[in-house]
Amino acid sequence: MAAAQSVSEREVICDAHFQRGFILWKPESGRHVKYGELKGLERAAAPVWGLDQWNSKFPLSENGKSVNGMLIYSNAAKSVVLGETSDLVLAANAGAEYGTRARQSPSEPWVHLLVEQEFEPPAYLKDLSRAKFHVETRLLRSQLVQEKDYTPDLHAAQFTIYFTVQNRDRHSAGFGDLVWFGVPIYDNRSRFPKAFKEQDFGGTAKFIFTPDGREFTTASAQDGGWVVIDKDLLPMMLEALNTAWSRGFVKGSKDPADYAIGGMNMGWELPGIFDVSMQVRNLSLRVQRMK
């Protein structure tokens, strides 16, 4: 008789309720340079999340304020709120960043407001029976501030959660290479964000695999209510890896055993001049490992 398999489960995301604050990275894209920290509600704890403000002219300062149990860090261009009726609120006003001039070409950089972390230890795909992802989000605001020169192909407001499916085997020729796996939350151009399975033209040049938003939920963020996503991502991540190989990406290794869920980022990308705000609560990625 075959021995019974045991299943162990663990939470991959550290500080999933954003209690420990954030490392502040300088806004110059392409490298991580720390310039401070935003203290969380657990003020003595060291942050595990980083705050990316790529291409922003208005980086946040470490000075926040406490209001009715909330911590608020804000300036003219953005705000980060901890507490309230959610775990996290990310808001950005691209009008303060761009002024009245919209981006003119795809090569021009755009404003980001993201939270990110690397998973330690990463979750190797070969060990998993499932990767159960849960998040609840609510769009508070998305307003096109500057309609002049607005072109949907160039200008948008998008809120996405990305995981890296990354080669984490130091002995592999492709060590460090990755695929971006996207969970789309909001896109101003469609009630449900459309699938995107192409090379990243925003700087990393890696393959992005983002399924259609309807693969994750039947509720649209555009309706302004809480949208709940509760989904096993493992089959989609394996599909993302196979698609990337078929398109000529992550060429160093085609052995699935080398790849793990290595980290994540979540937040706003604003190629257009929008004023936006999103609530997030109950974030989780629980993986089950077969022994």
Protein backbone atom coordinates (compact mmCIF):
# COMPACT_ATOMS: atom_id res chain seq x y z
CA MET A 1 0.00 0.00 0.00
CA ALA A 2 1.37 3.42 -0.92
CA ALA A 3 2.23 5.73 1.92
CA ALA A 4 -0.26 8.54 2.49
CA GLN A 5 0.89 11.97 1.36
CA SER A 6 0.91 14.79 3.87
CA VAL A 7 0.17 18.35 2.89
CA SER A 8 1.83 21.34 4.54
CA GLU A 9 0.60 24.88 3.99
CA ARG A 10 2.29 28.20 4.57
CA GLU A 11 1.69 31.87 3.96
CA VAL A 12 4.23 33.21 1.49
CA ILE A 13 3.59 36.95 1.92
CA CYS A 14 5.26 38.48 4.96
CA ASP A 15 3.39 41.29 6.76
CA ALA A 16 0.35 40.81 4.53
CA HIS A 17 -1.61 43.45 6.49
CA PHE A 18 1.10 46.12 6.09
CA GLN A 19 1.64 46.69 9.79
CA ARG A 20 5.42 47.13 9.63
CA GLY A 21 5.69 50.01 7.20
CA PHE A 22 7.88 50.44 4.11
CA ILE A 23 11.42 50.99 2.92
CA LEU A 24 11.50 54.14 0.80
CA TRP A 25 13.31 53.71 -2.52
CA LYS A 26 14.51 56.72 -4.48
CA PRO A 27 12.32 57.38 -7.55
CA GLU A 28 15.04 56.88 -10.17
CA SER A 29 13.99 53.66 -11.90
CA GLY A 30 16.38 50.80 -12.61
CA ARG A 31 17.94 50.45 -9.17
CA HIS A 32 16.95 50.37 -5.51
CA VAL A 33 18.52 53.11 -3.39
CA LYS A 34 17.11 53.50 0.11
CA TYR A 35 16.51 57.02 1.43
CA GLY A 36 14.31 56.36 4.47
CA GLU A 37 11.42 54.41 5.97
CA LEU A 38 7.72 54.89 6.55
CA LYS A 39 6.93 53.57 10.01
CA GLY A 40 3.95 51.24 10.28
CA LEU A 41 1.39 50.66 13.00
CA GLU A 42 3.93 48.25 14.54
CA ARG A 43 6.45 51.03 14.89
CA ALA A 44 9.24 48.95 16.39
CA ALA A 45 9.17 46.33 13.61
CA ALA A 46 11.50 46.51 10.62
CA PRO A 47 9.71 46.83 7.26
CA VAL A 48 9.74 43.98 4.76
CA TRP A 49 7.87 45.90 2.05
CA GLY A 50 9.51 48.43 -0.22
CA LEU A 51 7.69 51.44 -1.65
CA ASP A 52 8.45 52.15 -5.30
CA GLN A 53 7.79 55.66 -6.61
CA TRP A 54 9.44 55.24 -10.00
CA ASN A 55 9.70 58.42 -12.09
CA SER A 56 7.98 60.57 -9.46
CA LYS A 57 9.00 64.20 -8.93
CA PHE A 58 7.54 64.13 -5.42
CA PRO A 59 8.99 61.32 -3.28
CA LEU A 60 7.28 60.87 0.07
CA SER A 61 8.99 62.02 3.26
CA GLU A 62 9.20 60.00 6.46
CA ASN A 63 6.90 62.45 8.21
CA GLY A 64 3.39 61.08 8.58
CA LYS A 65 0.40 61.84 10.75
CA SER A 66 -1.89 59.71 12.88
CA VAL A 67 -5.63 60.27 12.50
CA ASN A 68 -8.23 58.09 14.24
CA GLY A 69 -5.92 55.08 14.33
CA MET A 70 -4.73 55.54 10.76
CA LEU A 71 -1.23 56.42 9.61
CA ILE A 72 -1.15 58.82 6.66
CA TYR A 73 1.87 59.70 4.55
CA SER A 74 1.08 62.16 1.78
CA ASN A 75 2.22 64.99 -0.45
CA ALA A 76 0.84 66.76 -3.52
CA ALA A 77 1.31 63.73 -5.75
CA LYS A 78 0.49 60.68 -3.66
CA SER A 79 -0.62 59.19 -0.36
CA VAL A 80 -0.17 55.93 1.53
CA VAL A 81 -2.69 55.19 4.28
CA LEU A 82 -2.41 52.34 6.77
CA GLY A 83 -5.50 51.31 8.72
CA GLU A 84 -9.01 52.73 8.19
CA THR A 85 -11.50 50.22 6.74
CA SER A 86 -8.73 48.45 4.86
CA ASP A 87 -5.13 47.41 5.40
CA LEU A 88 -3.73 49.81 2.81
CA VAL A 89 -4.77 52.69 0.56
CA LEU A 90 -2.57 53.73 -2.36
CA ALA A 91 -3.51 57.03 -4.00
CA ALA A 92 -1.76 59.10 -6.65
CA ASN A 93 -2.46 62.34 -8.50
CA ALA A 94 -0.63 62.22 -11.80
CA GLY A 95 -1.69 65.79 -12.52
CA ALA A 96 0.87 66.96 -9.98
CA GLU A 97 3.52 64.83 -11.72
CA TYR A 98 2.85 65.61 -15.38
CA GLY A 99 1.25 69.02 -15.21
CA THR A 100 -0.74 69.61 -18.39
CA ARG A 101 1.57 67.72 -20.72
CA ALA A 102 0.58 64.12 -21.38
CA ARG A 103 3.13 61.53 -22.48
CA GLN A 104 3.79 61.82 -26.21
CA SER A 105 5.38 58.46 -27.03
CA PRO A 106 5.63 54.89 -25.63
CA SER A 107 9.31 55.45 -24.83
CA GLU A 108 8.57 58.15 -22.25
CA PRO A 109 8.63 56.89 -18.65
CA TRP A 110 5.51 56.98 -16.50
CA VAL A 111 4.68 57.32 -12.83
CA HIS A 112 4.41 54.27 -10.54
CA LEU A 113 3.28 53.82 -6.95
CA LEU A 114 3.92 50.23 -5.92
CA VAL A 115 4.61 48.13 -2.84
CA GLU A 116 6.97 45.20 -3.30
CA GLN A 117 8.73 42.37 -1.49
CA GLU A 118 10.92 39.37 -2.20
CA PHE A 119 9.72 36.06 -0.73
CA GLU A 120 12.08 34.32 1.64
CA PRO A 121 12.03 31.45 1.22
CA PRO A 122 10.60 31.41 -2.30
CA ALA A 123 7.95 28.82 -3.17
CA TYR A 124 9.30 26.36 -5.77
CA LEU A 125 6.66 25.35 -8.28
CA LYS A 126 7.80 21.72 -8.31
CA ASP A 127 6.94 21.37 -4.62
CA LEU A 128 3.43 22.81 -4.80
CA SER A 129 -0.01 21.30 -5.19
CA ARG A 130 -1.61 24.74 -5.22
CA ALA A 131 -0.96 28.45 -4.65
CA LYS A 132 -4.17 29.94 -3.21
CA PHE A 133 -4.27 33.70 -3.70
CA HIS A 134 -6.75 35.99 -1.94
CA VAL A 135 -7.20 39.73 -2.03
CA GLU A 136 -10.03 42.24 -1.61
CA THR A 137 -9.83 45.62 -3.34
CA ARG A 138 -12.08 48.64 -3.76
CA LEU A 139 -11.57 51.49 -6.20
CA LEU A 140 -12.20 54.76 -4.39
CA ARG A 141 -11.38 57.14 -7.20
CA SER A 142 -10.24 57.21 -10.81
CA GLN A 143 -10.64 60.49 -12.62
CA LEU A 144 -9.08 61.56 -15.89
CA VAL A 145 -7.64 64.95 -14.94
CA GLN A 146 -6.26 66.00 -18.31
CA GLU A 147 -8.41 65.08 -21.30
CA LYS A 148 -6.36 67.06 -23.82
CA ASP A 149 -4.22 64.72 -25.92
CA TYR A 150 -5.72 61.66 -24.20
CA THR A 151 -5.06 58.53 -26.25
CA PRO A 152 -5.97 55.10 -24.82
CA ASP A 153 -2.94 53.49 -26.47
CA LEU A 154 -0.61 55.83 -24.54
CA HIS A 155 -2.54 56.95 -21.49
CA ALA A 156 -4.16 54.81 -18.81
CA ALA A 157 -4.59 54.16 -15.11
CA GLN A 158 -3.85 50.57 -14.10
CA PHE A 159 -3.71 48.73 -10.79
CA THR A 160 -2.11 45.30 -11.03
CA ILE A 161 -0.59 42.69 -8.73
CA TYR A 162 2.50 41.04 -10.20
CA PHE A 163 4.28 37.91 -9.02
CA THR A 164 7.65 36.82 -10.33
CA VAL A 165 8.01 33.26 -11.62
CA GLN A 166 11.77 33.23 -11.30
CA ASN A 167 14.73 30.90 -11.80
CA ARG A 168 16.11 30.65 -8.25
CA ASP A 169 18.61 27.82 -8.82
CA ARG A 170 22.07 29.35 -8.43
CA HIS A 171 23.58 26.48 -10.41
CA SER A 172 21.32 27.10 -13.42
CA ALA A 173 22.49 28.99 -16.49
CA GLY A 174 19.36 31.12 -16.29
CA PHE A 175 19.61 32.00 -12.59
CA GLY A 176 17.66 35.19 -11.83
CA ASP A 177 15.67 35.31 -15.06
CA LEU A 178 11.92 35.63 -14.62
CA VAL A 179 8.41 35.94 -15.99
CA TRP A 180 6.01 38.57 -14.65
CA PHE A 181 2.68 36.95 -13.76
CA GLY A 182 -0.07 39.57 -13.44
CA VAL A 183 -3.35 39.61 -11.54
CA PRO A 184 -5.17 42.60 -13.07
CA ILE A 185 -7.35 44.61 -10.68
CA TYR A 186 -8.28 47.76 -12.61
CA ASP A 187 -7.82 49.41 -16.00
CA ASN A 188 -9.73 52.58 -16.83
CA ARG A 189 -10.12 51.46 -20.45
CA SER A 190 -12.23 48.36 -19.80
CA ARG A 191 -14.66 47.01 -17.19
CA PHE A 192 -12.40 43.97 -16.95
CA PRO A 193 -8.71 44.41 -17.73
CA LYS A 194 -7.78 42.66 -20.94
CA ALA A 195 -5.20 39.90 -21.20
CA PHE A 196 -1.62 40.95 -21.92
CA LYS A 197 0.97 38.34 -22.88
CA GLU A 198 3.90 40.22 -24.33
CA GLN A 199 7.35 41.59 -23.55
CA ASP A 200 7.55 44.32 -20.92
CA PHE A 201 8.25 47.62 -22.67
CA GLY A 202 8.52 49.48 -19.36
CA GLY A 203 12.16 48.70 -18.69
CA THR A 204 12.72 45.10 -17.58
CA ALA A 205 12.29 43.56 -21.08
CA LYS A 206 10.95 40.39 -19.40
CA PHE A 207 7.88 38.47 -20.51
CA ILE A 208 4.57 39.53 -18.95
CA PHE A 209 1.73 37.03 -18.67
CA THR A 210 -1.48 38.67 -17.44
CA PRO A 211 -4.74 36.77 -17.99
CA ASP A 212 -8.02 38.55 -18.64
CA GLY A 213 -9.55 40.05 -15.49
CA ARG A 214 -12.61 37.81 -15.88
CA GLU A 215 -10.39 34.81 -15.13
CA PHE A 216 -10.22 36.01 -11.52
CA THR A 217 -13.60 37.55 -10.65
CA THR A 218 -17.06 38.35 -12.00
CA ALA A 219 -17.10 41.77 -10.28
CA SER A 220 -15.72 44.91 -11.94
CA ALA A 221 -13.64 47.39 -9.96
CA GLN A 222 -15.31 50.13 -12.01
CA ASP A 223 -18.54 49.61 -10.03
CA GLY A 224 -16.87 50.90 -6.86
CA GLY A 225 -17.64 47.96 -4.58
CA TRP A 226 -15.31 45.50 -2.89
CA VAL A 227 -13.92 43.02 -5.43
CA VAL A 228 -12.84 39.66 -4.02
CA ILE A 229 -10.32 37.42 -5.76
CA ASP A 230 -9.83 33.91 -4.41
CA LYS A 231 -7.96 31.78 -6.92
CA ASP A 232 -5.41 29.00 -7.25
CA LEU A 233 -2.65 30.62 -9.32
CA LEU A 234 -0.46 27.56 -9.79
CA PRO A 235 -1.97 26.28 -13.08
CA MET A 236 -1.81 29.79 -14.57
CA MET A 237 1.78 30.28 -13.45
CA LEU A 238 2.82 27.02 -15.11
CA GLU A 239 1.01 28.16 -18.26
CA ALA A 240 2.86 31.49 -18.06
CA LEU A 241 6.21 29.72 -17.90
CA ASN A 242 5.40 27.47 -20.86
CA THR A 243 4.13 30.44 -22.88
CA ALA A 244 7.31 32.39 -22.14
CA TRP A 245 9.44 29.46 -23.33
CA SER A 246 7.39 29.18 -26.53
CA ARG A 247 8.00 32.90 -27.20
CA GLY A 248 11.76 32.66 -26.68
CA PHE A 249 12.02 34.06 -23.14
CA VAL A 250 13.70 32.62 -19.99
CA LYS A 251 15.96 30.64 -22.32
CA GLY A 252 18.63 29.75 -19.75
CA SER A 253 16.63 26.87 -18.32
CA LYS A 254 13.55 25.00 -19.46
CA ASP A 255 13.44 22.87 -16.33
CA PRO A 256 10.34 23.81 -14.27
CA ALA A 257 12.16 22.58 -11.14
CA ASP A 258 14.39 25.68 -11.29
CA TYR A 259 11.48 28.11 -10.95
CA ALA A 260 9.79 29.57 -7.89
CA ILE A 261 7.31 32.26 -6.92
CA GLY A 262 10.05 34.70 -6.02
CA GLY A 263 8.34 37.94 -5.05
CA MET A 264 5.58 40.41 -5.85
CA ASN A 265 4.64 44.01 -6.40
CA MET A 266 1.26 45.71 -6.30
CA GLY A 267 -0.03 49.13 -7.14
CA TRP A 268 -0.58 51.90 -9.65
CA GLU A 269 0.98 52.53 -13.04
CA LEU A 270 -0.12 55.87 -14.46
CA PRO A 271 0.89 56.51 -18.07
CA GLY A 272 -2.08 58.92 -18.18
CA ILE A 273 -2.99 62.00 -16.15
CA PHE A 274 -5.38 60.47 -13.63
CA ASP A 275 -6.26 61.04 -9.98
CA VAL A 276 -6.67 57.58 -8.43
CA SER A 277 -7.10 55.75 -5.13
CA MET A 278 -7.43 52.04 -4.25
CA GLN A 279 -8.13 50.21 -0.99
CA VAL A 280 -6.61 46.78 -0.31
CA ARG A 281 -7.33 44.30 2.49
CA ASN A 282 -6.88 40.62 3.40
CA LEU A 283 -3.98 39.95 1.04
CA SER A 284 -2.74 36.35 1.15
CA LEU A 285 -0.83 33.74 -0.87
CA ARG A 286 -1.01 30.34 0.80
CA VAL A 287 0.89 27.52 -0.86
CA GLN A 288 0.41 23.83 -0.23
CA ARG A 289 3.40 21.55 -0.47
CA MET A 290 3.08 17.82 -1.13
CA LYS A 291 5.51 15.66 0.85
